[in-house]
N, C-alpha and C. Protein backbone atom coordinates (compact mmCIF):
# COMPACT_ATOMS: atom_id res chain seq x y z
N MET A 1 37.33 -50.33 -106.21
CA MET A 1 36.63 -51.22 -105.32
C MET A 1 36.95 -50.85 -103.87
N LYS A 2 35.91 -50.76 -103.06
CA LYS A 2 36.11 -50.41 -101.65
C LYS A 2 36.41 -51.67 -100.84
N ILE A 3 37.47 -51.56 -100.00
CA ILE A 3 37.86 -52.66 -99.13
C ILE A 3 38.14 -52.14 -97.73
N VAL A 4 38.17 -53.07 -96.75
CA VAL A 4 38.52 -52.76 -95.37
C VAL A 4 39.81 -53.50 -95.08
N LEU A 5 40.82 -52.78 -94.59
CA LEU A 5 42.13 -53.40 -94.33
C LEU A 5 42.14 -54.21 -93.04
N LEU A 6 42.79 -55.37 -93.08
CA LEU A 6 42.95 -56.22 -91.91
C LEU A 6 44.38 -56.16 -91.37
N GLU A 7 45.25 -55.41 -92.07
CA GLU A 7 46.66 -55.25 -91.67
C GLU A 7 47.07 -53.81 -91.93
N ASN A 8 48.13 -53.39 -91.24
CA ASN A 8 48.75 -52.11 -91.58
C ASN A 8 49.59 -52.33 -92.82
N LEU A 9 49.30 -51.61 -93.88
CA LEU A 9 50.04 -51.77 -95.12
C LEU A 9 50.66 -50.44 -95.53
N ARG A 10 51.96 -50.49 -95.80
CA ARG A 10 52.67 -49.29 -96.21
C ARG A 10 52.03 -48.70 -97.47
N LYS A 11 51.86 -47.42 -97.50
CA LYS A 11 51.29 -46.65 -98.61
C LYS A 11 49.80 -46.90 -98.86
N LEU A 12 49.15 -47.73 -98.02
CA LEU A 12 47.72 -47.95 -98.19
C LEU A 12 46.92 -47.46 -96.99
N GLY A 13 47.29 -47.92 -95.79
CA GLY A 13 46.54 -47.48 -94.62
C GLY A 13 46.73 -48.41 -93.44
N ALA A 14 45.92 -48.16 -92.40
CA ALA A 14 46.02 -48.90 -91.15
C ALA A 14 44.85 -49.88 -91.02
N ILE A 15 44.91 -50.71 -90.02
CA ILE A 15 43.86 -51.70 -89.77
C ILE A 15 42.52 -50.99 -89.60
N GLY A 16 41.50 -51.48 -90.29
CA GLY A 16 40.15 -50.92 -90.17
C GLY A 16 39.85 -49.79 -91.14
N ASP A 17 40.86 -49.29 -91.86
CA ASP A 17 40.63 -48.22 -92.83
C ASP A 17 39.84 -48.76 -94.02
N THR A 18 38.89 -47.97 -94.48
CA THR A 18 38.15 -48.31 -95.69
C THR A 18 38.75 -47.48 -96.82
N ILE A 19 39.29 -48.19 -97.81
CA ILE A 19 39.98 -47.49 -98.91
C ILE A 19 39.48 -47.99 -100.25
N ASN A 20 39.83 -47.25 -101.28
CA ASN A 20 39.50 -47.60 -102.65
C ASN A 20 40.76 -48.08 -103.35
N VAL A 21 40.71 -49.28 -103.93
CA VAL A 21 41.85 -49.80 -104.69
C VAL A 21 41.33 -50.37 -106.01
N LYS A 22 42.25 -50.66 -106.92
CA LYS A 22 41.83 -51.24 -108.19
C LYS A 22 41.28 -52.64 -107.95
N ARG A 23 40.28 -52.99 -108.72
CA ARG A 23 39.57 -54.26 -108.54
C ARG A 23 40.51 -55.47 -108.58
N GLY A 24 41.43 -55.51 -109.52
CA GLY A 24 42.36 -56.63 -109.66
C GLY A 24 43.28 -56.76 -108.46
N TYR A 25 43.77 -55.63 -107.95
CA TYR A 25 44.66 -55.63 -106.78
C TYR A 25 43.94 -56.21 -105.57
N ALA A 26 42.67 -55.84 -105.41
CA ALA A 26 41.87 -56.35 -104.29
C ALA A 26 41.58 -57.84 -104.48
N ARG A 27 41.10 -58.22 -105.65
CA ARG A 27 40.67 -59.60 -105.88
C ARG A 27 41.84 -60.58 -105.98
N ASN A 28 42.95 -60.16 -106.57
CA ASN A 28 44.05 -61.09 -106.80
C ASN A 28 45.10 -61.10 -105.70
N PHE A 29 45.17 -60.05 -104.88
CA PHE A 29 46.21 -60.02 -103.86
C PHE A 29 45.67 -59.77 -102.46
N LEU A 30 45.06 -58.62 -102.22
CA LEU A 30 44.67 -58.24 -100.86
C LEU A 30 43.69 -59.22 -100.20
N ILE A 31 42.66 -59.60 -100.90
CA ILE A 31 41.64 -60.48 -100.31
C ILE A 31 42.14 -61.92 -100.17
N PRO A 32 42.76 -62.53 -101.21
CA PRO A 32 43.28 -63.90 -101.04
C PRO A 32 44.36 -64.01 -99.96
N GLU A 33 45.17 -62.97 -99.79
CA GLU A 33 46.24 -62.99 -98.78
C GLU A 33 45.73 -62.59 -97.39
N LYS A 34 44.43 -62.41 -97.27
CA LYS A 34 43.77 -62.04 -96.01
C LYS A 34 44.32 -60.75 -95.42
N LYS A 35 44.59 -59.80 -96.30
CA LYS A 35 45.04 -58.48 -95.88
C LYS A 35 43.87 -57.50 -95.90
N ALA A 36 42.75 -57.90 -96.51
CA ALA A 36 41.59 -57.03 -96.62
C ALA A 36 40.32 -57.85 -96.85
N LEU A 37 39.17 -57.17 -96.66
CA LEU A 37 37.85 -57.74 -96.95
C LEU A 37 37.07 -56.75 -97.81
N PHE A 38 36.05 -57.25 -98.55
CA PHE A 38 35.17 -56.34 -99.27
C PHE A 38 34.52 -55.40 -98.25
N ALA A 39 34.28 -54.16 -98.63
CA ALA A 39 33.76 -53.17 -97.69
C ALA A 39 32.23 -53.19 -97.61
N SER A 40 31.68 -54.32 -97.18
CA SER A 40 30.23 -54.37 -96.96
C SER A 40 29.97 -53.89 -95.53
N GLU A 41 28.74 -53.51 -95.23
CA GLU A 41 28.42 -53.03 -93.88
C GLU A 41 28.74 -54.09 -92.84
N LYS A 42 28.43 -55.35 -93.15
CA LYS A 42 28.69 -56.46 -92.23
C LYS A 42 30.20 -56.59 -91.95
N ASN A 43 31.01 -56.55 -93.02
CA ASN A 43 32.46 -56.69 -92.85
C ASN A 43 33.07 -55.52 -92.08
N ILE A 44 32.57 -54.32 -92.31
CA ILE A 44 33.09 -53.14 -91.61
C ILE A 44 32.82 -53.28 -90.11
N LYS A 45 31.59 -53.70 -89.75
CA LYS A 45 31.25 -53.89 -88.33
C LYS A 45 32.10 -54.99 -87.71
N GLU A 46 32.31 -56.07 -88.46
CA GLU A 46 33.11 -57.20 -87.97
C GLU A 46 34.56 -56.78 -87.70
N VAL A 47 35.12 -55.99 -88.61
CA VAL A 47 36.50 -55.52 -88.44
C VAL A 47 36.60 -54.60 -87.23
N GLU A 48 35.60 -53.76 -87.01
CA GLU A 48 35.61 -52.88 -85.83
C GLU A 48 35.64 -53.70 -84.54
N LYS A 49 34.89 -54.83 -84.54
CA LYS A 49 34.85 -55.69 -83.35
C LYS A 49 36.21 -56.33 -83.08
N ILE A 50 36.86 -56.81 -84.14
CA ILE A 50 38.12 -57.55 -83.94
C ILE A 50 39.37 -56.68 -84.12
N LYS A 51 39.16 -55.38 -84.18
CA LYS A 51 40.28 -54.45 -84.41
C LYS A 51 41.36 -54.57 -83.33
N THR A 52 40.98 -54.72 -82.07
CA THR A 52 41.98 -54.82 -81.00
C THR A 52 42.83 -56.07 -81.16
N ASP A 53 42.18 -57.20 -81.52
CA ASP A 53 42.94 -58.44 -81.75
C ASP A 53 43.90 -58.28 -82.91
N LEU A 54 43.43 -57.66 -83.97
CA LEU A 54 44.29 -57.43 -85.13
C LEU A 54 45.46 -56.53 -84.78
N ASN A 55 45.21 -55.51 -83.95
CA ASN A 55 46.29 -54.62 -83.52
C ASN A 55 47.32 -55.36 -82.68
N LYS A 56 46.86 -56.28 -81.81
CA LYS A 56 47.79 -57.07 -81.00
C LYS A 56 48.67 -57.94 -81.90
N LYS A 57 48.05 -58.59 -82.88
CA LYS A 57 48.80 -59.43 -83.81
C LYS A 57 49.83 -58.59 -84.58
N ASP A 58 49.40 -57.40 -84.98
CA ASP A 58 50.30 -56.52 -85.72
C ASP A 58 51.48 -56.09 -84.85
N GLN A 59 51.22 -55.83 -83.56
CA GLN A 59 52.29 -55.45 -82.65
C GLN A 59 53.29 -56.60 -82.47
N GLU A 60 52.78 -57.84 -82.42
CA GLU A 60 53.66 -59.00 -82.31
C GLU A 60 54.53 -59.13 -83.56
N LYS A 61 53.91 -58.96 -84.73
CA LYS A 61 54.66 -59.02 -85.99
C LYS A 61 55.73 -57.93 -86.02
N LYS A 62 55.35 -56.76 -85.53
CA LYS A 62 56.28 -55.63 -85.51
C LYS A 62 57.46 -55.93 -84.58
N LYS A 63 57.18 -56.54 -83.43
CA LYS A 63 58.24 -56.88 -82.47
C LYS A 63 59.22 -57.89 -83.09
N ILE A 64 58.69 -58.91 -83.74
CA ILE A 64 59.53 -59.91 -84.40
C ILE A 64 60.36 -59.26 -85.51
N ALA A 65 59.72 -58.39 -86.29
CA ALA A 65 60.42 -57.69 -87.38
C ALA A 65 61.54 -56.83 -86.81
N LYS A 66 61.30 -56.19 -85.67
CA LYS A 66 62.31 -55.34 -85.03
C LYS A 66 63.51 -56.18 -84.59
N GLU A 67 63.25 -57.37 -84.01
CA GLU A 67 64.33 -58.26 -83.60
C GLU A 67 65.17 -58.70 -84.80
N ILE A 68 64.50 -59.06 -85.89
CA ILE A 68 65.22 -59.47 -87.10
C ILE A 68 66.03 -58.31 -87.65
N ALA A 69 65.45 -57.11 -87.64
CA ALA A 69 66.15 -55.92 -88.13
C ALA A 69 67.41 -55.66 -87.32
N ASP A 70 67.32 -55.81 -86.00
CA ASP A 70 68.48 -55.60 -85.13
C ASP A 70 69.57 -56.63 -85.39
N LYS A 71 69.17 -57.89 -85.64
CA LYS A 71 70.15 -58.95 -85.91
C LYS A 71 70.88 -58.73 -87.23
N LEU A 72 70.13 -58.28 -88.24
CA LEU A 72 70.70 -58.18 -89.58
C LEU A 72 71.27 -56.81 -89.92
N LYS A 73 71.03 -55.82 -89.07
CA LYS A 73 71.40 -54.44 -89.39
C LYS A 73 72.87 -54.31 -89.80
N ASN A 74 73.09 -53.74 -90.97
CA ASN A 74 74.42 -53.45 -91.52
C ASN A 74 75.34 -54.66 -91.64
N LYS A 75 74.78 -55.87 -91.73
CA LYS A 75 75.61 -57.06 -91.93
C LYS A 75 75.92 -57.20 -93.41
N THR A 76 77.02 -57.90 -93.69
CA THR A 76 77.42 -58.16 -95.07
C THR A 76 77.41 -59.66 -95.30
N PHE A 77 76.75 -60.08 -96.36
CA PHE A 77 76.69 -61.48 -96.73
C PHE A 77 77.44 -61.67 -98.04
N GLN A 78 78.17 -62.77 -98.13
CA GLN A 78 79.00 -63.02 -99.31
C GLN A 78 78.35 -64.07 -100.20
N ILE A 79 78.34 -63.79 -101.49
CA ILE A 79 77.80 -64.73 -102.47
C ILE A 79 78.87 -64.99 -103.52
N LYS A 80 79.11 -66.28 -103.80
CA LYS A 80 80.09 -66.67 -104.82
C LYS A 80 79.34 -66.93 -106.12
N LYS A 81 79.79 -66.29 -107.20
CA LYS A 81 79.14 -66.46 -108.51
C LYS A 81 80.19 -66.61 -109.60
N LEU A 82 79.81 -67.29 -110.66
CA LEU A 82 80.68 -67.38 -111.84
C LEU A 82 80.67 -66.04 -112.55
N VAL A 83 81.86 -65.58 -112.97
CA VAL A 83 81.95 -64.27 -113.63
C VAL A 83 82.68 -64.36 -114.96
N THR A 84 82.43 -63.36 -115.81
CA THR A 84 83.15 -63.25 -117.08
C THR A 84 84.48 -62.55 -116.83
N GLU A 85 85.27 -62.40 -117.88
CA GLU A 85 86.57 -61.74 -117.74
C GLU A 85 86.43 -60.29 -117.28
N ASN A 86 85.38 -59.61 -117.70
CA ASN A 86 85.20 -58.21 -117.31
C ASN A 86 84.29 -58.06 -116.08
N LYS A 87 84.39 -59.01 -115.16
CA LYS A 87 83.76 -58.95 -113.82
C LYS A 87 82.24 -58.84 -113.83
N GLU A 88 81.60 -59.33 -114.88
CA GLU A 88 80.13 -59.36 -114.91
C GLU A 88 79.66 -60.78 -114.61
N LEU A 89 78.50 -60.88 -113.99
CA LEU A 89 77.98 -62.19 -113.61
C LEU A 89 77.25 -62.85 -114.76
N TYR A 90 77.26 -64.17 -114.74
CA TYR A 90 76.38 -64.93 -115.64
C TYR A 90 75.02 -64.93 -114.95
N GLY A 91 74.12 -64.10 -115.40
CA GLY A 91 72.83 -63.94 -114.72
C GLY A 91 72.95 -62.83 -113.68
N SER A 92 72.11 -62.88 -112.66
CA SER A 92 72.16 -61.88 -111.60
C SER A 92 71.80 -62.53 -110.26
N VAL A 93 72.03 -61.79 -109.18
CA VAL A 93 71.68 -62.30 -107.85
C VAL A 93 70.23 -61.90 -107.57
N LYS A 94 69.39 -62.88 -107.35
CA LYS A 94 67.96 -62.66 -107.14
C LYS A 94 67.61 -62.66 -105.65
N PRO A 95 66.47 -62.07 -105.27
CA PRO A 95 66.04 -62.07 -103.87
C PRO A 95 65.93 -63.47 -103.26
N THR A 96 65.54 -64.47 -104.05
CA THR A 96 65.45 -65.84 -103.52
C THR A 96 66.82 -66.35 -103.09
N GLU A 97 67.85 -66.00 -103.85
CA GLU A 97 69.21 -66.40 -103.51
C GLU A 97 69.67 -65.71 -102.22
N ILE A 98 69.34 -64.42 -102.09
CA ILE A 98 69.69 -63.65 -100.90
C ILE A 98 68.97 -64.25 -99.68
N SER A 99 67.70 -64.61 -99.86
CA SER A 99 66.91 -65.23 -98.80
C SER A 99 67.58 -66.53 -98.32
N LYS A 100 68.06 -67.33 -99.28
CA LYS A 100 68.72 -68.60 -98.95
C LYS A 100 70.01 -68.37 -98.16
N ILE A 101 70.79 -67.36 -98.55
CA ILE A 101 72.06 -67.04 -97.86
C ILE A 101 71.77 -66.62 -96.41
N ILE A 102 70.74 -65.77 -96.22
CA ILE A 102 70.38 -65.32 -94.87
C ILE A 102 69.93 -66.51 -94.02
N LYS A 103 69.16 -67.42 -94.61
CA LYS A 103 68.69 -68.61 -93.90
C LYS A 103 69.87 -69.47 -93.47
N GLU A 104 70.85 -69.67 -94.37
CA GLU A 104 72.01 -70.52 -94.07
C GLU A 104 72.91 -69.91 -93.00
N SER A 105 73.18 -68.61 -93.11
CA SER A 105 74.16 -68.01 -92.19
C SER A 105 73.55 -67.52 -90.87
N GLU A 106 72.34 -67.01 -90.88
CA GLU A 106 71.73 -66.44 -89.66
C GLU A 106 70.56 -67.25 -89.13
N ASN A 107 70.13 -68.27 -89.88
CA ASN A 107 68.98 -69.09 -89.52
C ASN A 107 67.70 -68.25 -89.35
N ILE A 108 67.56 -67.25 -90.22
CA ILE A 108 66.38 -66.39 -90.23
C ILE A 108 65.68 -66.59 -91.57
N GLU A 109 64.43 -67.00 -91.51
CA GLU A 109 63.68 -67.25 -92.73
C GLU A 109 62.97 -65.96 -93.17
N LEU A 110 63.32 -65.49 -94.37
CA LEU A 110 62.70 -64.30 -94.94
C LEU A 110 62.10 -64.63 -96.29
N SER A 111 60.92 -64.13 -96.53
CA SER A 111 60.30 -64.30 -97.83
C SER A 111 61.05 -63.44 -98.84
N SER A 112 61.23 -63.96 -100.04
CA SER A 112 61.98 -63.20 -101.06
C SER A 112 61.23 -61.93 -101.46
N SER A 113 59.92 -61.87 -101.20
CA SER A 113 59.16 -60.66 -101.54
C SER A 113 59.51 -59.49 -100.62
N LEU A 114 60.14 -59.77 -99.47
CA LEU A 114 60.53 -58.71 -98.53
C LEU A 114 61.88 -58.10 -98.89
N ILE A 115 62.60 -58.74 -99.80
CA ILE A 115 63.97 -58.35 -100.14
C ILE A 115 63.97 -57.52 -101.42
N GLN A 116 64.54 -56.29 -101.31
CA GLN A 116 64.59 -55.39 -102.47
C GLN A 116 66.00 -54.86 -102.69
N PRO A 117 66.71 -55.40 -103.69
CA PRO A 117 68.02 -54.81 -104.01
C PRO A 117 67.82 -53.38 -104.49
N VAL A 118 68.72 -52.47 -104.07
CA VAL A 118 68.61 -51.07 -104.48
C VAL A 118 68.78 -50.96 -105.99
N LYS A 119 69.74 -51.72 -106.53
CA LYS A 119 69.86 -51.82 -107.99
C LYS A 119 70.18 -53.27 -108.32
N GLU A 120 70.00 -53.64 -109.58
CA GLU A 120 70.23 -55.02 -109.96
C GLU A 120 71.66 -55.44 -109.70
N ILE A 121 71.83 -56.65 -109.17
CA ILE A 121 73.15 -57.16 -108.85
C ILE A 121 73.62 -58.03 -110.02
N LYS A 122 74.44 -57.43 -110.89
CA LYS A 122 74.88 -58.12 -112.10
C LYS A 122 76.39 -58.13 -112.27
N SER A 123 77.12 -57.66 -111.25
CA SER A 123 78.58 -57.66 -111.36
C SER A 123 79.20 -57.91 -109.99
N VAL A 124 80.53 -58.05 -109.98
CA VAL A 124 81.26 -58.26 -108.74
C VAL A 124 81.28 -56.95 -107.96
N GLY A 125 81.17 -57.01 -106.64
CA GLY A 125 81.21 -55.81 -105.81
C GLY A 125 80.30 -55.93 -104.60
N VAL A 126 80.11 -54.81 -103.92
CA VAL A 126 79.25 -54.76 -102.73
C VAL A 126 77.99 -53.98 -103.09
N PHE A 127 76.84 -54.54 -102.78
CA PHE A 127 75.56 -53.93 -103.12
C PHE A 127 74.68 -53.82 -101.89
N LYS A 128 73.93 -52.73 -101.81
CA LYS A 128 73.00 -52.51 -100.70
C LYS A 128 71.66 -53.16 -101.04
N VAL A 129 71.08 -53.82 -100.03
CA VAL A 129 69.79 -54.48 -100.20
C VAL A 129 68.88 -54.04 -99.05
N ILE A 130 67.65 -53.64 -99.37
CA ILE A 130 66.69 -53.20 -98.35
C ILE A 130 65.75 -54.35 -98.02
N LEU A 131 65.52 -54.55 -96.72
CA LEU A 131 64.59 -55.58 -96.25
C LEU A 131 63.36 -54.89 -95.67
N ASN A 132 62.20 -55.11 -96.29
CA ASN A 132 60.94 -54.55 -95.79
C ASN A 132 60.32 -55.57 -94.86
N LEU A 133 60.66 -55.51 -93.59
CA LEU A 133 60.25 -56.53 -92.63
C LEU A 133 58.84 -56.32 -92.09
N HIS A 134 58.37 -55.07 -92.09
CA HIS A 134 57.04 -54.72 -91.56
C HIS A 134 56.67 -53.41 -92.23
N SER A 135 55.40 -53.04 -92.16
CA SER A 135 54.99 -51.78 -92.80
C SER A 135 55.72 -50.58 -92.21
N GLU A 136 56.23 -50.70 -90.97
CA GLU A 136 56.92 -49.58 -90.33
C GLU A 136 58.41 -49.84 -90.12
N ILE A 137 58.88 -51.06 -90.40
CA ILE A 137 60.28 -51.40 -90.12
C ILE A 137 61.00 -51.82 -91.39
N GLU A 138 62.10 -51.15 -91.64
CA GLU A 138 62.95 -51.42 -92.80
C GLU A 138 64.37 -51.59 -92.29
N SER A 139 65.11 -52.49 -92.89
CA SER A 139 66.50 -52.70 -92.51
C SER A 139 67.31 -52.81 -93.80
N SER A 140 68.62 -52.68 -93.68
CA SER A 140 69.43 -52.86 -94.88
C SER A 140 70.63 -53.74 -94.58
N ILE A 141 71.01 -54.51 -95.59
CA ILE A 141 72.19 -55.35 -95.49
C ILE A 141 73.03 -55.11 -96.74
N SER A 142 74.25 -55.64 -96.73
CA SER A 142 75.10 -55.55 -97.91
C SER A 142 75.34 -56.95 -98.45
N ILE A 143 75.36 -57.05 -99.75
CA ILE A 143 75.67 -58.31 -100.41
C ILE A 143 76.99 -58.11 -101.15
N LYS A 144 77.97 -58.92 -100.79
CA LYS A 144 79.28 -58.84 -101.43
C LYS A 144 79.37 -60.00 -102.42
N VAL A 145 79.46 -59.66 -103.70
CA VAL A 145 79.56 -60.67 -104.74
C VAL A 145 81.02 -60.86 -105.10
N VAL A 146 81.50 -62.12 -104.99
CA VAL A 146 82.89 -62.42 -105.30
C VAL A 146 82.95 -63.51 -106.37
N PRO A 147 84.01 -63.49 -107.19
CA PRO A 147 84.14 -64.54 -108.21
C PRO A 147 84.33 -65.91 -107.55
N GLU A 148 83.69 -66.92 -108.10
CA GLU A 148 83.73 -68.26 -107.52
C GLU A 148 85.14 -68.85 -107.57
N GLU A 149 85.92 -68.56 -108.62
CA GLU A 149 87.25 -69.15 -108.79
C GLU A 149 88.21 -68.73 -107.70
N LEU A 150 88.08 -67.51 -107.15
CA LEU A 150 89.02 -67.01 -106.16
C LEU A 150 88.90 -67.70 -104.81
N ILE A 151 87.74 -68.25 -104.51
CA ILE A 151 87.52 -68.84 -103.18
C ILE A 151 87.48 -70.36 -103.33
N LYS A 152 88.48 -71.00 -102.79
CA LYS A 152 88.53 -72.48 -102.83
C LYS A 152 89.13 -73.00 -101.57
């Protein structure tokens, strides 16, 4: 299905690009999230007209993402979890939990969809987590998982 992008999207394209994507991806994600429009002649012309406004908005988003990246760069956040005798967690640390920790300690609200652990966090230790803040800006933080019993 042909669509016109309304945002710069990593691995897809820039604002105003007409690309081909799978029908479900366009209908269920890109179009409802207002990241793209169907590629009709009318929509293509409309996007060309508002391209400068969209670029300004994208630059503002990029600036905010850059500020957040600078604040969080190489920081370590600590999470207390219940563990078994052999230092494994009951469950795992999810992006929503990491988002909550960042909100509490730094007062920065991040969507859990922007947070990508490099590998699953299922044991005690320090883990690297990548934050996809913008299509062009990526930052990384460390998550230190400690047993809950040790900290009181």
